[in-house]
Amino acid sequence: MPPISLNELLIPLMYLVLAGSYLLVFPALVYFYLNSRWYVASSVERVFMYFMMFFFFPGVLLFSPFLNFRPKRREIKA
């Protein structure tokens, strides 16, 4: 059996890096961005948010059990 060359190892490694970044890294960044800007975004920014949700939908679906976009509690001053 011939030894495995460096090129034969780089190709699967690149696929793993790209798949991991598409499914885990970028959706996590999109989630933190949405969490910080959800209630103060302009209309153009909201279109960009919807596009990012659509583009990274498989990864965001993996994070969906942890997503929480409910409004924060208001503090009533007595």
PDB file of N, CA and C in Angstrom:
ATOM      1  N   MET A   1       0.851  -1.174   0.000  1.00  0.00           N
ATOM      2  CA  MET A   1       0.000   0.000   0.000  1.00  0.00           C
ATOM      3  C   MET A   1       0.902   1.245   0.000  1.00  0.00           C
ATOM      4  N   PRO A   2       0.696   2.147  -0.978  1.00  0.00           N
ATOM      5  CA  PRO A   2       1.540   3.345  -1.027  1.00  0.00           C
ATOM      6  C   PRO A   2       1.186   4.310   0.105  1.00  0.00           C
ATOM      7  N   PRO A   3       2.149   5.088   0.545  1.00  0.00           N
ATOM      8  CA  PRO A   3       1.859   6.063   1.600  1.00  0.00           C
ATOM      9  C   PRO A   3       0.909   7.158   1.103  1.00  0.00           C
ATOM     10  N   ILE A   4       0.136   7.715   2.017  1.00  0.00           N
ATOM     11  CA  ILE A   4      -0.832   8.768   1.671  1.00  0.00           C
ATOM     12  C   ILE A   4      -0.078  10.082   1.536  1.00  0.00           C
ATOM     13  N   SER A   5      -0.305  10.749   0.411  1.00  0.00           N
ATOM     14  CA  SER A   5       0.384  12.014   0.179  1.00  0.00           C
ATOM     15  C   SER A   5      -0.318  13.152   0.910  1.00  0.00           C
ATOM     16  N   LEU A   6       0.372  14.275   0.964  1.00  0.00           N
ATOM     17  CA  LEU A   6      -0.177  15.445   1.658  1.00  0.00           C
ATOM     18  C   LEU A   6      -1.416  15.976   0.950  1.00  0.00           C
ATOM     19  N   ASN A   7      -1.440  15.928  -0.383  1.00  0.00           N
ATOM     20  CA  ASN A   7      -2.605  16.417  -1.133  1.00  0.00           C
ATOM     21  C   ASN A   7      -3.841  15.574  -0.862  1.00  0.00           C
ATOM     22  N   GLU A   8      -3.650  14.276  -0.663  1.00  0.00           N
ATOM     23  CA  GLU A   8      -4.794  13.415  -0.386  1.00  0.00           C
ATOM     24  C   GLU A   8      -5.365  13.669   1.003  1.00  0.00           C
ATOM     25  N   LEU A   9      -4.584  14.209   1.896  1.00  0.00           N
ATOM     26  CA  LEU A   9      -5.080  14.555   3.226  1.00  0.00           C
ATOM     27  C   LEU A   9      -5.668  15.956   3.271  1.00  0.00           C
ATOM     28  N   LEU A  10      -5.169  16.850   2.436  1.00  0.00           N
ATOM     29  CA  LEU A  10      -5.648  18.232   2.467  1.00  0.00           C
ATOM     30  C   LEU A  10      -7.068  18.373   1.940  1.00  0.00           C
ATOM     31  N   ILE A  11      -7.434  17.600   0.959  1.00  0.00           N
ATOM     32  CA  ILE A  11      -8.767  17.739   0.360  1.00  0.00           C
ATOM     33  C   ILE A  11      -9.867  17.377   1.356  1.00  0.00           C
ATOM     34  N   PRO A  12      -9.816  16.207   2.030  1.00  0.00           N
ATOM     35  CA  PRO A  12     -10.863  15.956   3.042  1.00  0.00           C
ATOM     36  C   PRO A  12     -10.815  16.942   4.204  1.00  0.00           C
ATOM     37  N   LEU A  13      -9.622  17.388   4.555  1.00  0.00           N
ATOM     38  CA  LEU A  13      -9.501  18.372   5.630  1.00  0.00           C
ATOM     39  C   LEU A  13     -10.163  19.690   5.243  1.00  0.00           C
ATOM     40  N   MET A  14      -9.999  20.104   4.002  1.00  0.00           N
ATOM     41  CA  MET A  14     -10.649  21.333   3.536  1.00  0.00           C
ATOM     42  C   MET A  14     -12.171  21.184   3.552  1.00  0.00           C
ATOM     43  N   TYR A  15     -12.675  20.016   3.145  1.00  0.00           N
ATOM     44  CA  TYR A  15     -14.113  19.790   3.200  1.00  0.00           C
ATOM     45  C   TYR A  15     -14.624  19.847   4.639  1.00  0.00           C
ATOM     46  N   LEU A  16     -13.878  19.279   5.565  1.00  0.00           N
ATOM     47  CA  LEU A  16     -14.280  19.329   6.968  1.00  0.00           C
ATOM     48  C   LEU A  16     -14.269  20.751   7.510  1.00  0.00           C
ATOM     49  N   VAL A  17     -13.268  21.523   7.145  1.00  0.00           N
ATOM     50  CA  VAL A  17     -13.187  22.912   7.607  1.00  0.00           C
ATOM     51  C   VAL A  17     -14.327  23.738   7.024  1.00  0.00           C
ATOM     52  N   LEU A  18     -14.587  23.585   5.738  1.00  0.00           N
ATOM     53  CA  LEU A  18     -15.681  24.343   5.112  1.00  0.00           C
ATOM     54  C   LEU A  18     -17.044  23.933   5.664  1.00  0.00           C
ATOM     55  N   ALA A  19     -17.263  22.635   5.831  1.00  0.00           N
ATOM     56  CA  ALA A  19     -18.549  22.173   6.372  1.00  0.00           C
ATOM     57  C   ALA A  19     -18.712  22.619   7.817  1.00  0.00           C
ATOM     58  N   GLY A  20     -17.650  22.557   8.605  1.00  0.00           N
ATOM     59  CA  GLY A  20     -17.726  22.990   9.991  1.00  0.00           C
ATOM     60  C   GLY A  20     -17.987  24.472  10.121  1.00  0.00           C
ATOM     61  N   SER A  21     -17.340  25.253   9.260  1.00  0.00           N
ATOM     62  CA  SER A  21     -17.570  26.696   9.337  1.00  0.00           C
ATOM     63  C   SER A  21     -18.974  27.052   8.854  1.00  0.00           C
ATOM     64  N   TYR A  22     -19.481  26.345   7.833  1.00  0.00           N
ATOM     65  CA  TYR A  22     -20.825  26.618   7.332  1.00  0.00           C
ATOM     66  C   TYR A  22     -21.895  26.192   8.330  1.00  0.00           C
ATOM     67  N   LEU A  23     -21.672  25.075   9.020  1.00  0.00           N
ATOM     68  CA  LEU A  23     -22.702  24.548   9.922  1.00  0.00           C
ATOM     69  C   LEU A  23     -22.571  25.028  11.359  1.00  0.00           C
ATOM     70  N   LEU A  24     -21.383  25.459  11.780  1.00  0.00           N
ATOM     71  CA  LEU A  24     -21.210  25.819  13.180  1.00  0.00           C
ATOM     72  C   LEU A  24     -20.712  27.242  13.404  1.00  0.00           C
ATOM     73  N   VAL A  25     -19.680  27.655  12.709  1.00  0.00           N
ATOM     74  CA  VAL A  25     -19.033  28.936  13.008  1.00  0.00           C
ATOM     75  C   VAL A  25     -19.888  30.111  12.542  1.00  0.00           C
ATOM     76  N   PHE A  26     -20.231  30.145  11.262  1.00  0.00           N
ATOM     77  CA  PHE A  26     -20.995  31.283  10.739  1.00  0.00           C
ATOM     78  C   PHE A  26     -22.399  31.382  11.339  1.00  0.00           C
ATOM     79  N   PRO A  27     -23.135  30.268  11.522  1.00  0.00           N
ATOM     80  CA  PRO A  27     -24.431  30.406  12.205  1.00  0.00           C
ATOM     81  C   PRO A  27     -24.309  30.910  13.634  1.00  0.00           C
ATOM     82  N   ALA A  28     -23.244  30.554  14.330  1.00  0.00           N
ATOM     83  CA  ALA A  28     -23.058  31.084  15.683  1.00  0.00           C
ATOM     84  C   ALA A  28     -22.822  32.590  15.628  1.00  0.00           C
ATOM     85  N   LEU A  29     -22.027  33.042  14.659  1.00  0.00           N
ATOM     86  CA  LEU A  29     -21.808  34.485  14.497  1.00  0.00           C
ATOM     87  C   LEU A  29     -23.102  35.198  14.126  1.00  0.00           C
ATOM     88  N   VAL A  30     -23.894  34.586  13.238  1.00  0.00           N
ATOM     89  CA  VAL A  30     -25.186  35.174  12.857  1.00  0.00           C
ATOM     90  C   VAL A  30     -26.105  35.237  14.075  1.00  0.00           C
ATOM     91  N   TYR A  31     -26.105  34.196  14.889  1.00  0.00           N
ATOM     92  CA  TYR A  31     -26.941  34.187  16.083  1.00  0.00           C
ATOM     93  C   TYR A  31     -26.561  35.320  17.040  1.00  0.00           C
ATOM     94  N   PHE A  32     -25.275  35.485  17.304  1.00  0.00           N
ATOM     95  CA  PHE A  32     -24.860  36.549  18.222  1.00  0.00           C
ATOM     96  C   PHE A  32     -25.154  37.928  17.633  1.00  0.00           C
ATOM     97  N   TYR A  33     -25.008  38.066  16.317  1.00  0.00           N
ATOM     98  CA  TYR A  33     -25.345  39.335  15.666  1.00  0.00           C
ATOM     99  C   TYR A  33     -26.848  39.619  15.792  1.00  0.00           C
ATOM    100  N   LEU A  34     -27.673  38.607  15.527  1.00  0.00           N
ATOM    101  CA  LEU A  34     -29.124  38.792  15.634  1.00  0.00           C
ATOM    102  C   LEU A  34     -29.541  39.086  17.067  1.00  0.00           C
ATOM    103  N   ASN A  35     -28.900  38.413  18.003  1.00  0.00           N
ATOM    104  CA  ASN A  35     -29.248  38.616  19.401  1.00  0.00           C
ATOM    105  C   ASN A  35     -28.931  40.035  19.872  1.00  0.00           C
ATOM    106  N   SER A  36     -27.894  40.635  19.314  1.00  0.00           N
ATOM    107  CA  SER A  36     -27.530  41.983  19.744  1.00  0.00           C
ATOM    108  C   SER A  36     -28.291  43.078  19.000  1.00  0.00           C
ATOM    109  N   ARG A  37     -28.759  42.822  17.785  1.00  0.00           N
ATOM    110  CA  ARG A  37     -29.357  43.872  16.967  1.00  0.00           C
ATOM    111  C   ARG A  37     -30.832  43.663  16.657  1.00  0.00           C
ATOM    112  N   TRP A  38     -31.476  42.641  17.199  1.00  0.00           N
ATOM    113  CA  TRP A  38     -32.822  42.262  16.778  1.00  0.00           C
ATOM    114  C   TRP A  38     -33.846  43.374  16.970  1.00  0.00           C
ATOM    115  N   TYR A  39     -33.802  44.104  18.055  1.00  0.00           N
ATOM    116  CA  TYR A  39     -34.837  45.092  18.368  1.00  0.00           C
ATOM    117  C   TYR A  39     -34.481  46.509  17.946  1.00  0.00           C
ATOM    118  N   VAL A  40     -33.289  46.734  17.431  1.00  0.00           N
ATOM    119  CA  VAL A  40     -32.892  48.092  17.065  1.00  0.00           C
ATOM    120  C   VAL A  40     -32.468  48.201  15.603  1.00  0.00           C
ATOM    121  N   ALA A  41     -32.705  47.184  14.808  1.00  0.00           N
ATOM    122  CA  ALA A  41     -32.240  47.171  13.422  1.00  0.00           C
ATOM    123  C   ALA A  41     -33.132  48.031  12.531  1.00  0.00           C
ATOM    124  N   SER A  42     -32.503  48.641  11.532  1.00  0.00           N
ATOM    125  CA  SER A  42     -33.266  49.392  10.533  1.00  0.00           C
ATOM    126  C   SER A  42     -33.857  48.409   9.525  1.00  0.00           C
ATOM    127  N   SER A  43     -34.640  48.906   8.592  1.00  0.00           N
ATOM    128  CA  SER A  43     -35.300  48.019   7.635  1.00  0.00           C
ATOM    129  C   SER A  43     -34.293  47.366   6.691  1.00  0.00           C
ATOM    130  N   VAL A  44     -33.272  48.096   6.272  1.00  0.00           N
ATOM    131  CA  VAL A  44     -32.252  47.525   5.387  1.00  0.00           C
ATOM    132  C   VAL A  44     -31.450  46.469   6.135  1.00  0.00           C
ATOM    133  N   GLU A  45     -31.124  46.755   7.378  1.00  0.00           N
ATOM    134  CA  GLU A  45     -30.385  45.794   8.182  1.00  0.00           C
ATOM    135  C   GLU A  45     -31.227  44.549   8.449  1.00  0.00           C
ATOM    136  N   ARG A  46     -32.521  44.710   8.603  1.00  0.00           N
ATOM    137  CA  ARG A  46     -33.403  43.567   8.833  1.00  0.00           C
ATOM    138  C   ARG A  46     -33.462  42.671   7.597  1.00  0.00           C
ATOM    139  N   VAL A  47     -33.418  43.263   6.406  1.00  0.00           N
ATOM    140  CA  VAL A  47     -33.361  42.463   5.179  1.00  0.00           C
ATOM    141  C   VAL A  47     -32.064  41.653   5.155  1.00  0.00           C
ATOM    142  N   PHE A  48     -30.969  42.275   5.550  1.00  0.00           N
ATOM    143  CA  PHE A  48     -29.695  41.561   5.634  1.00  0.00           C
ATOM    144  C   PHE A  48     -29.770  40.430   6.653  1.00  0.00           C
ATOM    145  N   MET A  49     -30.434  40.661   7.780  1.00  0.00           N
ATOM    146  CA  MET A  49     -30.593  39.612   8.791  1.00  0.00           C
ATOM    147  C   MET A  49     -31.372  38.425   8.232  1.00  0.00           C
ATOM    148  N   TYR A  50     -32.454  38.708   7.516  1.00  0.00           N
ATOM    149  CA  TYR A  50     -33.252  37.629   6.940  1.00  0.00           C
ATOM    150  C   TYR A  50     -32.451  36.864   5.895  1.00  0.00           C
ATOM    151  N   PHE A  51     -31.644  37.571   5.115  1.00  0.00           N
ATOM    152  CA  PHE A  51     -30.803  36.898   4.140  1.00  0.00           C
ATOM    153  C   PHE A  51     -29.802  35.972   4.828  1.00  0.00           C
ATOM    154  N   MET A  52     -29.186  36.438   5.911  1.00  0.00           N
ATOM    155  CA  MET A  52     -28.215  35.605   6.618  1.00  0.00           C
ATOM    156  C   MET A  52     -28.902  34.380   7.230  1.00  0.00           C
ATOM    157  N   MET A  53     -30.112  34.543   7.738  1.00  0.00           N
ATOM    158  CA  MET A  53     -30.845  33.390   8.264  1.00  0.00           C
ATOM    159  C   MET A  53     -31.146  32.393   7.148  1.00  0.00           C
ATOM    160  N   PHE A  54     -31.520  32.880   5.975  1.00  0.00           N
ATOM    161  CA  PHE A  54     -31.822  31.997   4.854  1.00  0.00           C
ATOM    162  C   PHE A  54     -30.567  31.303   4.346  1.00  0.00           C
ATOM    163  N   PHE A  55     -29.459  32.029   4.243  1.00  0.00           N
ATOM    164  CA  PHE A  55     -28.227  31.488   3.688  1.00  0.00           C
ATOM    165  C   PHE A  55     -27.612  30.428   4.598  1.00  0.00           C
ATOM    166  N   PHE A  56     -27.652  30.648   5.903  1.00  0.00           N
ATOM    167  CA  PHE A  56     -27.062  29.711   6.857  1.00  0.00           C
ATOM    168  C   PHE A  56     -28.131  28.898   7.579  1.00  0.00           C
ATOM    169  N   PHE A  57     -29.250  28.642   6.906  1.00  0.00           N
ATOM    170  CA  PHE A  57     -30.373  27.963   7.545  1.00  0.00           C
ATOM    171  C   PHE A  57     -30.026  26.594   8.122  1.00  0.00           C
ATOM    172  N   PRO A  58     -29.277  25.718   7.431  1.00  0.00           N
ATOM    173  CA  PRO A  58     -28.977  24.410   8.045  1.00  0.00           C
ATOM    174  C   PRO A  58     -28.222  24.532   9.364  1.00  0.00           C
ATOM    175  N   GLY A  59     -27.281  25.445   9.436  1.00  0.00           N
ATOM    176  CA  GLY A  59     -26.534  25.618  10.674  1.00  0.00           C
ATOM    177  C   GLY A  59     -27.361  26.286  11.753  1.00  0.00           C
ATOM    178  N   VAL A  60     -28.195  27.250  11.360  1.00  0.00           N
ATOM    179  CA  VAL A  60     -29.057  27.917  12.334  1.00  0.00           C
ATOM    180  C   VAL A  60     -30.083  26.926  12.876  1.00  0.00           C
ATOM    181  N   LEU A  61     -30.489  25.980  12.040  1.00  0.00           N
ATOM    182  CA  LEU A  61     -31.404  24.938  12.490  1.00  0.00           C
ATOM    183  C   LEU A  61     -30.765  24.081  13.579  1.00  0.00           C
ATOM    184  N   LEU A  62     -29.457  23.880  13.495  1.00  0.00           N
ATOM    185  CA  LEU A  62     -28.758  23.140  14.547  1.00  0.00           C
ATOM    186  C   LEU A  62     -28.737  23.926  15.861  1.00  0.00           C
ATOM    187  N   PHE A  63     -28.665  25.255  15.769  1.00  0.00           N
ATOM    188  CA  PHE A  63     -28.644  26.099  16.959  1.00  0.00           C
ATOM    189  C   PHE A  63     -30.043  26.467  17.450  1.00  0.00           C
ATOM    190  N   SER A  64     -31.074  26.075  16.730  1.00  0.00           N
ATOM    191  CA  SER A  64     -32.426  26.531  17.054  1.00  0.00           C
ATOM    192  C   SER A  64     -32.906  26.157  18.455  1.00  0.00           C
ATOM    193  N   PRO A  65     -32.507  25.045  19.056  1.00  0.00           N
ATOM    194  CA  PRO A  65     -32.962  24.819  20.433  1.00  0.00           C
ATOM    195  C   PRO A  65     -32.422  25.848  21.423  1.00  0.00           C
ATOM    196  N   PHE A  66     -31.371  26.550  21.056  1.00  0.00           N
ATOM    197  CA  PHE A  66     -30.755  27.513  21.956  1.00  0.00           C
ATOM    198  C   PHE A  66     -31.133  28.954  21.640  1.00  0.00           C
ATOM    199  N   LEU A  67     -31.834  29.194  20.531  1.00  0.00           N
ATOM    200  CA  LEU A  67     -32.209  30.556  20.149  1.00  0.00           C
ATOM    201  C   LEU A  67     -33.336  31.052  21.032  1.00  0.00           C
ATOM    202  N   ASN A  68     -33.251  32.303  21.434  1.00  0.00           N
ATOM    203  CA  ASN A  68     -34.279  32.898  22.277  1.00  0.00           C
ATOM    204  C   ASN A  68     -34.394  34.374  21.898  1.00  0.00           C
ATOM    205  N   PHE A  69     -35.434  34.702  21.148  1.00  0.00           N
ATOM    206  CA  PHE A  69     -35.635  36.085  20.735  1.00  0.00           C
ATOM    207  C   PHE A  69     -36.837  36.709  21.429  1.00  0.00           C
ATOM    208  N   ARG A  70     -37.212  36.159  22.565  1.00  0.00           N
ATOM    209  CA  ARG A  70     -38.304  36.773  23.317  1.00  0.00           C
ATOM    210  C   ARG A  70     -37.823  38.102  23.887  1.00  0.00           C
ATOM    211  N   PRO A  71     -38.724  39.047  24.014  1.00  0.00           N
ATOM    212  CA  PRO A  71     -38.312  40.335  24.585  1.00  0.00           C
ATOM    213  C   PRO A  71     -37.804  40.175  26.011  1.00  0.00           C
ATOM    214  N   LYS A  72     -36.872  41.012  26.350  1.00  0.00           N
ATOM    215  CA  LYS A  72     -36.352  40.994  27.720  1.00  0.00           C
ATOM    216  C   LYS A  72     -37.396  41.591  28.661  1.00  0.00           C
ATOM    217  N   ARG A  73     -37.364  41.182  29.906  1.00  0.00           N
ATOM    218  CA  ARG A  73     -38.323  41.704  30.882  1.00  0.00           C
ATOM    219  C   ARG A  73     -38.132  43.183  31.106  1.00  0.00           C
ATOM    220  N   ARG A  74     -39.241  43.869  31.182  1.00  0.00           N
ATOM    221  CA  ARG A  74     -39.182  45.300  31.534  1.00  0.00           C
ATOM    222  C   ARG A  74     -39.113  45.422  33.029  1.00  0.00           C
ATOM    223  N   GLU A  75     -38.365  46.373  33.452  1.00  0.00           N
ATOM    224  CA  GLU A  75     -38.315  46.636  34.886  1.00  0.00           C
ATOM    225  C   GLU A  75     -39.286  47.759  35.189  1.00  0.00           C
ATOM    226  N   ILE A  76     -40.212  47.501  36.076  1.00  0.00           N
ATOM    227  CA  ILE A  76     -41.209  48.492  36.467  1.00  0.00           C
ATOM    228  C   ILE A  76     -40.677  49.207  37.701  1.00  0.00           C
ATOM    229  N   LYS A  77     -40.498  50.503  37.573  1.00  0.00           N
ATOM    230  CA  LYS A  77     -39.980  51.284  38.687  1.00  0.00           C
ATOM    231  C   LYS A  77     -41.128  51.655  39.606  1.00  0.00           C
ATOM    232  N   ALA A  78     -40.982  51.328  40.832  1.00  0.00           N
ATOM    233  CA  ALA A  78     -42.055  51.589  41.791  1.00  0.00           C
ATOM    234  C   ALA A  78     -41.792  52.878  42.548  1.00  0.00           C
TER     235      ALA A  78
END
